[in-house]
Amino acid sequence: MLLAILTLIRLLGLSEGGWTPWWANYPGWELWKFFNLILFIVFAMLLHRRYGRPIREKLRLRGEAIKRDLQTARDERDQALAKLAEVEARFSNLDSEISAIKEKSALEAAAEKARLLSATETEIAKMREQAKREIESAGQAAKHELRRFAAQESVRRAEQILETEIRPEDDARLINLNVQELGRTSL
């Protein structure tokens, strides 16, 4: 459009005669620069039309990826803050948990002590009963041994008495009597 106006001004001869516009004498105001600018703008618009949509799409996808990454980072930050709050809560309750554990262990120790005392008393009672049975058994065995010993000593003493007091004639007479008694019983 500007080209058309400049061409019209030259044809009319306004620049040759008396009247010349201010821009006509301006240095560096050549028409080819405007034509070059118009070509550059048209070429840029064509490039934008042809390649602008893929670039715009890639930029949009990149923006969405960045938004997703930011959302993921926010979620991870929120999770980390929640864990931090949980840990801080546990640390604040740590003294009460320690005292509760101490109380629980004291109760368990007392219960274990009572159980051990009860088990010890039961074991002592069993050992007493076993010792009593063993003593009774040993007493019975001693009585039996004493009776056996007394019987052996009585026999030995009787043999000594018989040896010292019985003469050979008495011995022969006793043997005859025993033989006669055996003969009667065998019939």
N, C-alpha and C. Protein backbone atom coordinates (compact mmCIF):
# COMPACT_ATOMS: atom_id res chain seq x y z
N MET A 1 0.82 -1.18 0.00
CA MET A 1 0.00 0.00 0.00
C MET A 1 0.87 1.25 0.00
N LEU A 2 1.88 1.21 0.82
CA LEU A 2 2.82 2.33 0.85
C LEU A 2 3.54 2.45 -0.50
N LEU A 3 3.83 1.33 -1.08
CA LEU A 3 4.47 1.34 -2.39
C LEU A 3 3.57 2.01 -3.44
N ALA A 4 2.31 1.71 -3.33
CA ALA A 4 1.37 2.32 -4.27
C ALA A 4 1.33 3.83 -4.07
N ILE A 5 1.38 4.30 -2.86
CA ILE A 5 1.32 5.75 -2.59
C ILE A 5 2.59 6.42 -3.10
N LEU A 6 3.72 5.79 -2.89
CA LEU A 6 4.97 6.38 -3.35
C LEU A 6 5.02 6.43 -4.89
N THR A 7 4.53 5.40 -5.48
CA THR A 7 4.50 5.37 -6.94
C THR A 7 3.57 6.46 -7.46
N LEU A 8 2.48 6.64 -6.83
CA LEU A 8 1.53 7.68 -7.23
C LEU A 8 2.13 9.07 -7.09
N ILE A 9 2.88 9.29 -6.09
CA ILE A 9 3.51 10.60 -5.88
C ILE A 9 4.52 10.86 -6.99
N ARG A 10 5.25 9.90 -7.41
CA ARG A 10 6.23 10.08 -8.47
C ARG A 10 5.53 10.35 -9.80
N LEU A 11 4.47 9.64 -10.02
CA LEU A 11 3.76 9.84 -11.29
C LEU A 11 3.14 11.22 -11.39
N LEU A 12 2.66 11.70 -10.35
CA LEU A 12 2.02 13.01 -10.36
C LEU A 12 3.06 14.14 -10.45
N GLY A 13 4.23 13.78 -10.07
CA GLY A 13 5.30 14.76 -10.20
C GLY A 13 5.33 15.74 -9.08
N LEU A 14 4.76 15.39 -8.02
CA LEU A 14 4.74 16.32 -6.91
C LEU A 14 6.14 16.50 -6.33
N SER A 15 6.93 15.51 -6.49
CA SER A 15 8.25 15.63 -5.92
C SER A 15 9.17 16.45 -6.81
N GLU A 16 8.88 16.60 -8.11
CA GLU A 16 9.73 17.34 -9.01
C GLU A 16 9.44 18.82 -8.95
N GLY A 17 8.25 19.11 -8.75
CA GLY A 17 7.85 20.52 -8.78
C GLY A 17 8.11 21.18 -7.45
N GLY A 18 7.20 21.80 -6.99
CA GLY A 18 7.41 22.59 -5.80
C GLY A 18 7.17 21.84 -4.51
N TRP A 19 6.18 21.07 -4.49
CA TRP A 19 5.83 20.45 -3.19
C TRP A 19 6.52 19.09 -3.03
N THR A 20 7.27 18.86 -1.96
CA THR A 20 7.87 17.56 -1.65
C THR A 20 7.59 17.25 -0.18
N PRO A 21 7.14 16.08 0.03
CA PRO A 21 6.85 15.73 1.44
C PRO A 21 8.15 15.63 2.24
N TRP A 22 8.01 15.67 3.57
CA TRP A 22 9.19 15.69 4.46
C TRP A 22 9.93 14.37 4.44
N TRP A 23 9.22 13.31 4.19
CA TRP A 23 9.85 12.00 4.23
C TRP A 23 10.60 11.69 2.95
N ALA A 24 10.34 12.42 1.91
CA ALA A 24 11.01 12.17 0.64
C ALA A 24 12.48 12.56 0.71
N ASN A 25 12.82 13.58 1.49
CA ASN A 25 14.20 14.01 1.61
C ASN A 25 14.90 13.38 2.83
N TYR A 26 14.23 12.58 3.50
CA TYR A 26 14.81 11.94 4.71
C TYR A 26 15.89 10.97 4.26
N PRO A 27 17.10 11.06 4.84
CA PRO A 27 18.17 10.17 4.39
C PRO A 27 17.92 8.74 4.83
N GLY A 28 18.19 7.79 4.01
CA GLY A 28 18.03 6.37 4.29
C GLY A 28 16.60 5.90 4.14
N TRP A 29 15.75 6.74 3.51
CA TRP A 29 14.34 6.40 3.37
C TRP A 29 14.12 5.87 1.97
N GLU A 30 14.76 4.77 1.65
CA GLU A 30 14.63 4.23 0.32
C GLU A 30 13.51 3.19 0.30
N LEU A 31 12.93 3.08 -0.80
CA LEU A 31 11.78 2.22 -0.99
C LEU A 31 12.14 0.74 -0.86
N TRP A 32 13.29 0.30 -1.24
CA TRP A 32 13.67 -1.11 -1.20
C TRP A 32 13.72 -1.64 0.22
N LYS A 33 14.02 -0.77 1.23
CA LYS A 33 14.03 -1.21 2.62
C LYS A 33 12.62 -1.60 3.07
N PHE A 34 11.63 -0.85 2.65
CA PHE A 34 10.24 -1.17 3.01
C PHE A 34 9.79 -2.46 2.34
N PHE A 35 10.19 -2.60 1.10
CA PHE A 35 9.85 -3.82 0.38
C PHE A 35 10.50 -5.04 1.06
N ASN A 36 11.73 -4.92 1.48
CA ASN A 36 12.44 -5.99 2.18
C ASN A 36 11.76 -6.33 3.51
N LEU A 37 11.33 -5.31 4.24
CA LEU A 37 10.63 -5.53 5.50
C LEU A 37 9.32 -6.28 5.29
N ILE A 38 8.60 -5.89 4.25
CA ILE A 38 7.32 -6.54 3.96
C ILE A 38 7.56 -8.00 3.58
N LEU A 39 8.60 -8.26 2.77
CA LEU A 39 8.92 -9.64 2.42
C LEU A 39 9.30 -10.45 3.66
N PHE A 40 10.06 -9.85 4.55
CA PHE A 40 10.47 -10.55 5.79
C PHE A 40 9.26 -10.90 6.66
N ILE A 41 8.34 -9.97 6.79
CA ILE A 41 7.15 -10.21 7.62
C ILE A 41 6.28 -11.30 6.99
N VAL A 42 6.12 -11.28 5.64
CA VAL A 42 5.32 -12.30 4.97
C VAL A 42 5.99 -13.67 5.13
N PHE A 43 7.29 -13.71 4.94
CA PHE A 43 8.02 -14.98 5.09
C PHE A 43 7.92 -15.50 6.53
N ALA A 44 8.04 -14.60 7.51
CA ALA A 44 7.93 -15.00 8.92
C ALA A 44 6.53 -15.54 9.22
N MET A 45 5.52 -14.93 8.63
CA MET A 45 4.14 -15.40 8.86
C MET A 45 3.93 -16.78 8.22
N LEU A 46 4.53 -16.97 7.04
CA LEU A 46 4.41 -18.28 6.41
C LEU A 46 5.13 -19.36 7.24
N LEU A 47 6.29 -19.03 7.72
CA LEU A 47 7.02 -19.97 8.59
C LEU A 47 6.23 -20.27 9.87
N HIS A 48 5.64 -19.21 10.40
CA HIS A 48 4.86 -19.41 11.64
C HIS A 48 3.65 -20.30 11.37
N ARG A 49 3.02 -20.10 10.21
CA ARG A 49 1.86 -20.91 9.86
C ARG A 49 2.26 -22.36 9.64
N ARG A 50 3.41 -22.56 9.01
CA ARG A 50 3.84 -23.92 8.70
C ARG A 50 4.43 -24.63 9.92
N TYR A 51 5.31 -23.97 10.65
CA TYR A 51 6.03 -24.61 11.77
C TYR A 51 5.60 -24.11 13.15
N GLY A 52 4.76 -23.14 13.19
CA GLY A 52 4.34 -22.58 14.48
C GLY A 52 3.49 -23.54 15.30
N ARG A 53 2.62 -24.30 14.64
CA ARG A 53 1.75 -25.23 15.34
C ARG A 53 2.55 -26.35 16.01
N PRO A 54 3.50 -27.03 15.33
CA PRO A 54 4.30 -28.06 16.02
C PRO A 54 5.13 -27.47 17.17
N ILE A 55 5.68 -26.30 16.93
CA ILE A 55 6.46 -25.67 18.01
C ILE A 55 5.55 -25.33 19.17
N ARG A 56 4.38 -24.76 18.85
CA ARG A 56 3.42 -24.42 19.89
C ARG A 56 2.98 -25.68 20.64
N GLU A 57 2.78 -26.78 19.89
CA GLU A 57 2.38 -28.05 20.52
C GLU A 57 3.50 -28.57 21.42
N LYS A 58 4.75 -28.52 20.93
CA LYS A 58 5.87 -28.97 21.75
C LYS A 58 6.02 -28.09 22.99
N LEU A 59 5.85 -26.80 22.82
CA LEU A 59 5.93 -25.90 23.98
C LEU A 59 4.79 -26.19 24.97
N ARG A 60 3.59 -26.47 24.43
CA ARG A 60 2.46 -26.80 25.30
C ARG A 60 2.73 -28.10 26.05
N LEU A 61 3.24 -29.14 25.32
CA LEU A 61 3.56 -30.41 25.97
C LEU A 61 4.65 -30.23 27.03
N ARG A 62 5.65 -29.42 26.71
CA ARG A 62 6.73 -29.17 27.67
C ARG A 62 6.17 -28.45 28.91
N GLY A 63 5.27 -27.50 28.68
CA GLY A 63 4.64 -26.79 29.80
C GLY A 63 3.82 -27.75 30.67
N GLU A 64 3.09 -28.67 30.03
CA GLU A 64 2.31 -29.65 30.78
C GLU A 64 3.23 -30.58 31.58
N ALA A 65 4.36 -30.99 30.96
CA ALA A 65 5.31 -31.85 31.67
C ALA A 65 5.88 -31.12 32.88
N ILE A 66 6.19 -29.86 32.69
CA ILE A 66 6.70 -29.06 33.82
C ILE A 66 5.64 -28.95 34.91
N LYS A 67 4.38 -28.74 34.50
CA LYS A 67 3.29 -28.66 35.49
C LYS A 67 3.15 -29.99 36.24
N ARG A 68 3.24 -31.12 35.50
CA ARG A 68 3.16 -32.43 36.16
C ARG A 68 4.32 -32.62 37.13
N ASP A 69 5.53 -32.24 36.68
CA ASP A 69 6.69 -32.36 37.57
C ASP A 69 6.53 -31.50 38.82
N LEU A 70 5.99 -30.29 38.62
CA LEU A 70 5.76 -29.42 39.78
C LEU A 70 4.71 -30.03 40.71
N GLN A 71 3.66 -30.62 40.14
CA GLN A 71 2.63 -31.25 40.98
C GLN A 71 3.20 -32.45 41.73
N THR A 72 4.04 -33.25 41.03
CA THR A 72 4.69 -34.39 41.68
C THR A 72 5.58 -33.91 42.82
N ALA A 73 6.33 -32.84 42.55
CA ALA A 73 7.21 -32.28 43.59
C ALA A 73 6.38 -31.78 44.77
N ARG A 74 5.23 -31.15 44.49
CA ARG A 74 4.36 -30.69 45.59
C ARG A 74 3.83 -31.87 46.40
N ASP A 75 3.41 -32.93 45.68
CA ASP A 75 2.91 -34.12 46.38
C ASP A 75 3.99 -34.74 47.25
N GLU A 76 5.21 -34.87 46.69
CA GLU A 76 6.31 -35.44 47.47
C GLU A 76 6.65 -34.56 48.67
N ARG A 77 6.60 -33.23 48.46
CA ARG A 77 6.85 -32.31 49.57
C ARG A 77 5.78 -32.49 50.65
N ASP A 78 4.52 -32.62 50.23
CA ASP A 78 3.44 -32.81 51.20
C ASP A 78 3.62 -34.12 51.96
N GLN A 79 4.03 -35.18 51.24
CA GLN A 79 4.27 -36.46 51.92
C GLN A 79 5.43 -36.34 52.90
N ALA A 80 6.48 -35.66 52.49
CA ALA A 80 7.63 -35.48 53.37
C ALA A 80 7.24 -34.66 54.60
N LEU A 81 6.42 -33.63 54.40
CA LEU A 81 5.96 -32.83 55.54
C LEU A 81 5.08 -33.65 56.47
N ALA A 82 4.25 -34.53 55.89
CA ALA A 82 3.40 -35.39 56.72
C ALA A 82 4.27 -36.35 57.53
N LYS A 83 5.29 -36.93 56.90
CA LYS A 83 6.20 -37.81 57.63
C LYS A 83 6.94 -37.05 58.71
N LEU A 84 7.37 -35.84 58.38
CA LEU A 84 8.06 -35.02 59.37
C LEU A 84 7.15 -34.73 60.55
N ALA A 85 5.89 -34.42 60.28
CA ALA A 85 4.94 -34.17 61.37
C ALA A 85 4.74 -35.43 62.20
N GLU A 86 4.67 -36.57 61.54
CA GLU A 86 4.50 -37.84 62.26
C GLU A 86 5.72 -38.12 63.15
N VAL A 87 6.91 -37.90 62.59
CA VAL A 87 8.13 -38.13 63.37
C VAL A 87 8.20 -37.16 64.54
N GLU A 88 7.86 -35.89 64.29
CA GLU A 88 7.88 -34.91 65.38
C GLU A 88 6.86 -35.28 66.46
N ALA A 89 5.70 -35.79 66.04
CA ALA A 89 4.69 -36.23 67.01
C ALA A 89 5.22 -37.39 67.83
N ARG A 90 5.90 -38.33 67.16
CA ARG A 90 6.47 -39.47 67.89
C ARG A 90 7.56 -39.00 68.85
N PHE A 91 8.37 -38.02 68.41
CA PHE A 91 9.40 -37.50 69.30
C PHE A 91 8.79 -36.78 70.49
N SER A 92 7.68 -36.08 70.26
CA SER A 92 7.03 -35.39 71.38
C SER A 92 6.41 -36.39 72.35
N ASN A 93 5.97 -37.54 71.84
CA ASN A 93 5.40 -38.58 72.70
C ASN A 93 6.45 -39.55 73.21
N LEU A 94 7.70 -39.31 72.87
CA LEU A 94 8.76 -40.25 73.22
C LEU A 94 8.91 -40.41 74.73
N ASP A 95 8.82 -39.30 75.47
CA ASP A 95 8.96 -39.38 76.93
C ASP A 95 7.82 -40.20 77.54
N SER A 96 6.61 -39.98 77.07
CA SER A 96 5.48 -40.75 77.61
C SER A 96 5.60 -42.22 77.22
N GLU A 97 6.07 -42.50 76.00
CA GLU A 97 6.26 -43.89 75.58
C GLU A 97 7.34 -44.57 76.41
N ILE A 98 8.43 -43.83 76.70
CA ILE A 98 9.50 -44.39 77.52
C ILE A 98 8.99 -44.71 78.92
N SER A 99 8.22 -43.79 79.50
CA SER A 99 7.70 -44.05 80.85
C SER A 99 6.70 -45.22 80.81
N ALA A 100 5.91 -45.32 79.75
CA ALA A 100 4.97 -46.44 79.64
C ALA A 100 5.72 -47.76 79.51
N ILE A 101 6.80 -47.75 78.74
CA ILE A 101 7.60 -48.97 78.58
C ILE A 101 8.25 -49.35 79.91
N LYS A 102 8.74 -48.34 80.65
CA LYS A 102 9.34 -48.62 81.96
C LYS A 102 8.31 -49.22 82.91
N GLU A 103 7.11 -48.65 82.91
CA GLU A 103 6.06 -49.18 83.79
C GLU A 103 5.70 -50.61 83.38
N LYS A 104 5.59 -50.83 82.10
CA LYS A 104 5.24 -52.16 81.61
C LYS A 104 6.32 -53.16 81.98
N SER A 105 7.60 -52.76 81.81
CA SER A 105 8.68 -53.69 82.15
C SER A 105 8.73 -53.93 83.66
N ALA A 106 8.41 -52.92 84.47
CA ALA A 106 8.38 -53.12 85.91
C ALA A 106 7.26 -54.10 86.29
N LEU A 107 6.11 -53.96 85.67
CA LEU A 107 5.00 -54.89 85.93
C LEU A 107 5.36 -56.30 85.49
N GLU A 108 5.99 -56.40 84.32
CA GLU A 108 6.39 -57.72 83.84
C GLU A 108 7.44 -58.34 84.75
N ALA A 109 8.36 -57.51 85.26
CA ALA A 109 9.40 -58.02 86.17
C ALA A 109 8.77 -58.51 87.48
N ALA A 110 7.78 -57.75 87.98
CA ALA A 110 7.11 -58.16 89.21
C ALA A 110 6.35 -59.46 88.99
N ALA A 111 5.68 -59.57 87.85
CA ALA A 111 4.93 -60.80 87.54
C ALA A 111 5.90 -61.98 87.40
N GLU A 112 7.03 -61.74 86.75
CA GLU A 112 8.03 -62.81 86.59
C GLU A 112 8.60 -63.22 87.94
N LYS A 113 8.82 -62.25 88.81
CA LYS A 113 9.34 -62.55 90.16
C LYS A 113 8.33 -63.40 90.93
N ALA A 114 7.05 -63.01 90.85
CA ALA A 114 6.02 -63.78 91.54
C ALA A 114 5.93 -65.19 90.96
N ARG A 115 6.03 -65.30 89.66
CA ARG A 115 5.97 -66.62 89.02
C ARG A 115 7.16 -67.47 89.45
N LEU A 116 8.35 -66.86 89.48
CA LEU A 116 9.55 -67.60 89.90
C LEU A 116 9.43 -68.03 91.37
N LEU A 117 8.91 -67.15 92.22
CA LEU A 117 8.73 -67.52 93.64
C LEU A 117 7.76 -68.69 93.76
N SER A 118 6.66 -68.62 93.02
CA SER A 118 5.67 -69.70 93.06
C SER A 118 6.28 -71.00 92.56
N ALA A 119 7.02 -70.91 91.45
CA ALA A 119 7.65 -72.11 90.89
C ALA A 119 8.69 -72.66 91.86
N THR A 120 9.43 -71.78 92.53
CA THR A 120 10.44 -72.22 93.49
C THR A 120 9.79 -72.92 94.68
N GLU A 121 8.69 -72.32 95.17
CA GLU A 121 7.99 -72.95 96.29
C GLU A 121 7.44 -74.32 95.89
N THR A 122 6.90 -74.41 94.71
CA THR A 122 6.39 -75.70 94.22
C THR A 122 7.52 -76.70 94.11
N GLU A 123 8.65 -76.27 93.59
CA GLU A 123 9.81 -77.16 93.44
C GLU A 123 10.34 -77.59 94.81
N ILE A 124 10.36 -76.67 95.77
CA ILE A 124 10.82 -77.01 97.12
C ILE A 124 9.90 -78.04 97.75
N ALA A 125 8.57 -77.85 97.55
CA ALA A 125 7.61 -78.81 98.11
C ALA A 125 7.82 -80.19 97.47
N LYS A 126 8.06 -80.21 96.15
CA LYS A 126 8.31 -81.50 95.48
C LYS A 126 9.57 -82.15 96.03
N MET A 127 10.61 -81.35 96.21
CA MET A 127 11.89 -81.91 96.73
C MET A 127 11.71 -82.43 98.15
N ARG A 128 10.94 -81.72 98.95
CA ARG A 128 10.69 -82.19 100.33
C ARG A 128 9.97 -83.53 100.31
N GLU A 129 8.95 -83.62 99.46
CA GLU A 129 8.21 -84.88 99.35
C GLU A 129 9.13 -86.00 98.88
N GLN A 130 9.96 -85.71 97.90
CA GLN A 130 10.87 -86.71 97.37
C GLN A 130 11.88 -87.11 98.45
N ALA A 131 12.40 -86.13 99.20
CA ALA A 131 13.36 -86.44 100.27
C ALA A 131 12.69 -87.27 101.36
N LYS A 132 11.43 -86.94 101.65
CA LYS A 132 10.69 -87.69 102.67
C LYS A 132 10.53 -89.15 102.23
N ARG A 133 10.15 -89.32 100.93
CA ARG A 133 10.00 -90.69 100.42
C ARG A 133 11.34 -91.42 100.43
N GLU A 134 12.42 -90.71 100.06
CA GLU A 134 13.73 -91.35 100.06
C GLU A 134 14.16 -91.72 101.48
N ILE A 135 13.87 -90.85 102.42
CA ILE A 135 14.21 -91.15 103.83
C ILE A 135 13.43 -92.36 104.31
N GLU A 136 12.13 -92.40 104.00
CA GLU A 136 11.32 -93.54 104.41
C GLU A 136 11.84 -94.82 103.75
N SER A 137 12.18 -94.70 102.46
CA SER A 137 12.72 -95.86 101.75
C SER A 137 14.04 -96.28 102.35
N ALA A 138 14.91 -95.32 102.66
CA ALA A 138 16.20 -95.64 103.28
C ALA A 138 15.99 -96.24 104.67
N GLY A 139 14.99 -95.74 105.40
CA GLY A 139 14.67 -96.30 106.73
C GLY A 139 14.21 -97.74 106.61
N GLN A 140 13.34 -97.99 105.60
CA GLN A 140 12.87 -99.37 105.38
C GLN A 140 14.04 -100.27 105.01
N ALA A 141 14.91 -99.76 104.14
CA ALA A 141 16.07 -100.56 103.73
C ALA A 141 16.99 -100.79 104.92
N ALA A 142 17.17 -99.78 105.75
CA ALA A 142 18.05 -99.93 106.93
C ALA A 142 17.44 -100.94 107.90
N LYS A 143 16.10 -100.86 108.08
CA LYS A 143 15.44 -101.83 108.97
C LYS A 143 15.62 -103.23 108.43
N HIS A 144 15.43 -103.39 107.14
CA HIS A 144 15.58 -104.70 106.52
C HIS A 144 17.02 -105.19 106.68
N GLU A 145 17.98 -104.31 106.42
CA GLU A 145 19.39 -104.67 106.56
C GLU A 145 19.72 -105.01 108.02
N LEU A 146 19.13 -104.22 108.91
CA LEU A 146 19.36 -104.48 110.34
C LEU A 146 18.79 -105.83 110.75
N ARG A 147 17.60 -106.17 110.24
CA ARG A 147 17.00 -107.48 110.55
C ARG A 147 17.87 -108.60 109.98
N ARG A 148 18.32 -108.41 108.73
CA ARG A 148 19.18 -109.42 108.12
C ARG A 148 20.47 -109.57 108.92
N PHE A 149 21.06 -108.43 109.29
CA PHE A 149 22.29 -108.47 110.06
C PHE A 149 22.05 -109.14 111.42
N ALA A 150 20.92 -108.81 112.05
CA ALA A 150 20.60 -109.39 113.36
C ALA A 150 20.42 -110.91 113.22
N ALA A 151 19.76 -111.31 112.13
CA ALA A 151 19.54 -112.75 111.92
C ALA A 151 20.87 -113.44 111.69
N GLN A 152 21.75 -112.84 110.88
CA GLN A 152 23.06 -113.45 110.63
C GLN A 152 23.88 -113.52 111.93
N GLU A 153 23.84 -112.46 112.67
CA GLU A 153 24.60 -112.44 113.93
C GLU A 153 24.02 -113.47 114.91
N SER A 154 22.69 -113.59 114.90
CA SER A 154 22.08 -114.59 115.79
C SER A 154 22.52 -115.98 115.38
N VAL A 155 22.53 -116.26 114.09
CA VAL A 155 22.95 -117.57 113.61
C VAL A 155 24.42 -117.78 113.94
N ARG A 156 25.25 -116.79 113.67
CA ARG A 156 26.68 -116.91 113.97
C ARG A 156 26.89 -117.11 115.47
N ARG A 157 26.21 -116.37 116.26
CA ARG A 157 26.36 -116.50 117.72
C ARG A 157 25.88 -117.88 118.18
N ALA A 158 24.75 -118.31 117.56
CA ALA A 158 24.24 -119.64 117.94
C ALA A 158 25.24 -120.71 117.54
N GLU A 159 25.87 -120.56 116.39
CA GLU A 159 26.87 -121.52 115.95
C GLU A 159 28.05 -121.53 116.92
N GLN A 160 28.46 -120.35 117.36
CA GLN A 160 29.58 -120.29 118.31
C GLN A 160 29.20 -121.00 119.62
N ILE A 161 27.99 -120.70 120.02
CA ILE A 161 27.54 -121.33 121.28
C ILE A 161 27.47 -122.83 121.10
N LEU A 162 26.93 -123.25 119.99
CA LEU A 162 26.81 -124.67 119.76
C LEU A 162 28.20 -125.32 119.65
N GLU A 163 29.12 -124.69 119.03
CA GLU A 163 30.45 -125.25 118.88
C GLU A 163 31.15 -125.36 120.25
N THR A 164 30.94 -124.40 121.04
CA THR A 164 31.61 -124.45 122.35
C THR A 164 30.89 -125.38 123.30
N GLU A 165 29.63 -125.51 123.22
CA GLU A 165 28.90 -126.27 124.21
C GLU A 165 28.57 -127.67 123.75
N ILE A 166 28.54 -127.93 122.50
CA ILE A 166 28.20 -129.28 122.05
C ILE A 166 29.49 -130.07 121.90
N ARG A 167 29.44 -131.26 122.49
CA ARG A 167 30.59 -132.16 122.39
C ARG A 167 30.35 -133.10 121.25
N PRO A 168 31.33 -133.87 120.85
CA PRO A 168 31.16 -134.77 119.72
C PRO A 168 30.11 -135.84 120.00
N GLU A 169 29.91 -136.29 121.20
CA GLU A 169 28.88 -137.30 121.47
C GLU A 169 27.50 -136.69 121.28
N ASP A 170 27.34 -135.44 121.69
CA ASP A 170 26.04 -134.78 121.53
C ASP A 170 25.75 -134.59 120.04
N ASP A 171 26.78 -134.34 119.33
CA ASP A 171 26.63 -134.12 117.91
C ASP A 171 26.19 -135.40 117.22
N ALA A 172 26.76 -136.52 117.58
CA ALA A 172 26.40 -137.79 116.97
C ALA A 172 24.99 -138.14 117.34
N ARG A 173 24.61 -137.92 118.54
CA ARG A 173 23.26 -138.22 118.98
C ARG A 173 22.27 -137.35 118.21
N LEU A 174 22.52 -136.09 117.99
CA LEU A 174 21.60 -135.20 117.29
C LEU A 174 21.47 -135.61 115.83
N ILE A 175 22.56 -136.05 115.24
CA ILE A 175 22.52 -136.47 113.84
C ILE A 175 21.64 -137.70 113.73
N ASN A 176 21.76 -138.65 114.67
CA ASN A 176 20.93 -139.85 114.63
C ASN A 176 19.47 -139.47 114.78
N LEU A 177 19.16 -138.57 115.62
CA LEU A 177 17.77 -138.17 115.82
C LEU A 177 17.21 -137.53 114.54
N ASN A 178 18.00 -136.76 113.90
CA ASN A 178 17.56 -136.09 112.67
C ASN A 178 17.36 -137.13 111.55
N VAL A 179 18.22 -138.10 111.50
CA VAL A 179 18.08 -139.12 110.48
C VAL A 179 16.82 -139.92 110.72
N GLN A 180 16.52 -140.23 111.96
CA GLN A 180 15.33 -140.97 112.27
C GLN A 180 14.09 -140.15 111.93
N GLU A 181 14.12 -138.89 112.18
CA GLU A 181 12.98 -138.02 111.87
C GLU A 181 12.81 -137.93 110.37
N LEU A 182 13.85 -137.89 109.66
CA LEU A 182 13.77 -137.82 108.21
C LEU A 182 13.22 -139.14 107.68
N GLY A 183 13.59 -140.19 108.30
CA GLY A 183 13.09 -141.49 107.85
C GLY A 183 11.60 -141.60 108.10
N ARG A 184 11.07 -141.09 109.13
CA ARG A 184 9.66 -141.13 109.41
C ARG A 184 8.89 -140.23 108.47
N THR A 185 9.36 -139.11 108.16
CA THR A 185 8.65 -138.18 107.31
C THR A 185 8.67 -138.63 105.86
N SER A 186 9.66 -139.37 105.44
CA SER A 186 9.74 -139.79 104.04
C SER A 186 8.76 -140.93 103.78
N LEU A 187 8.33 -141.64 104.78
CA LEU A 187 7.38 -142.75 104.58
C LEU A 187 6.07 -142.21 104.39
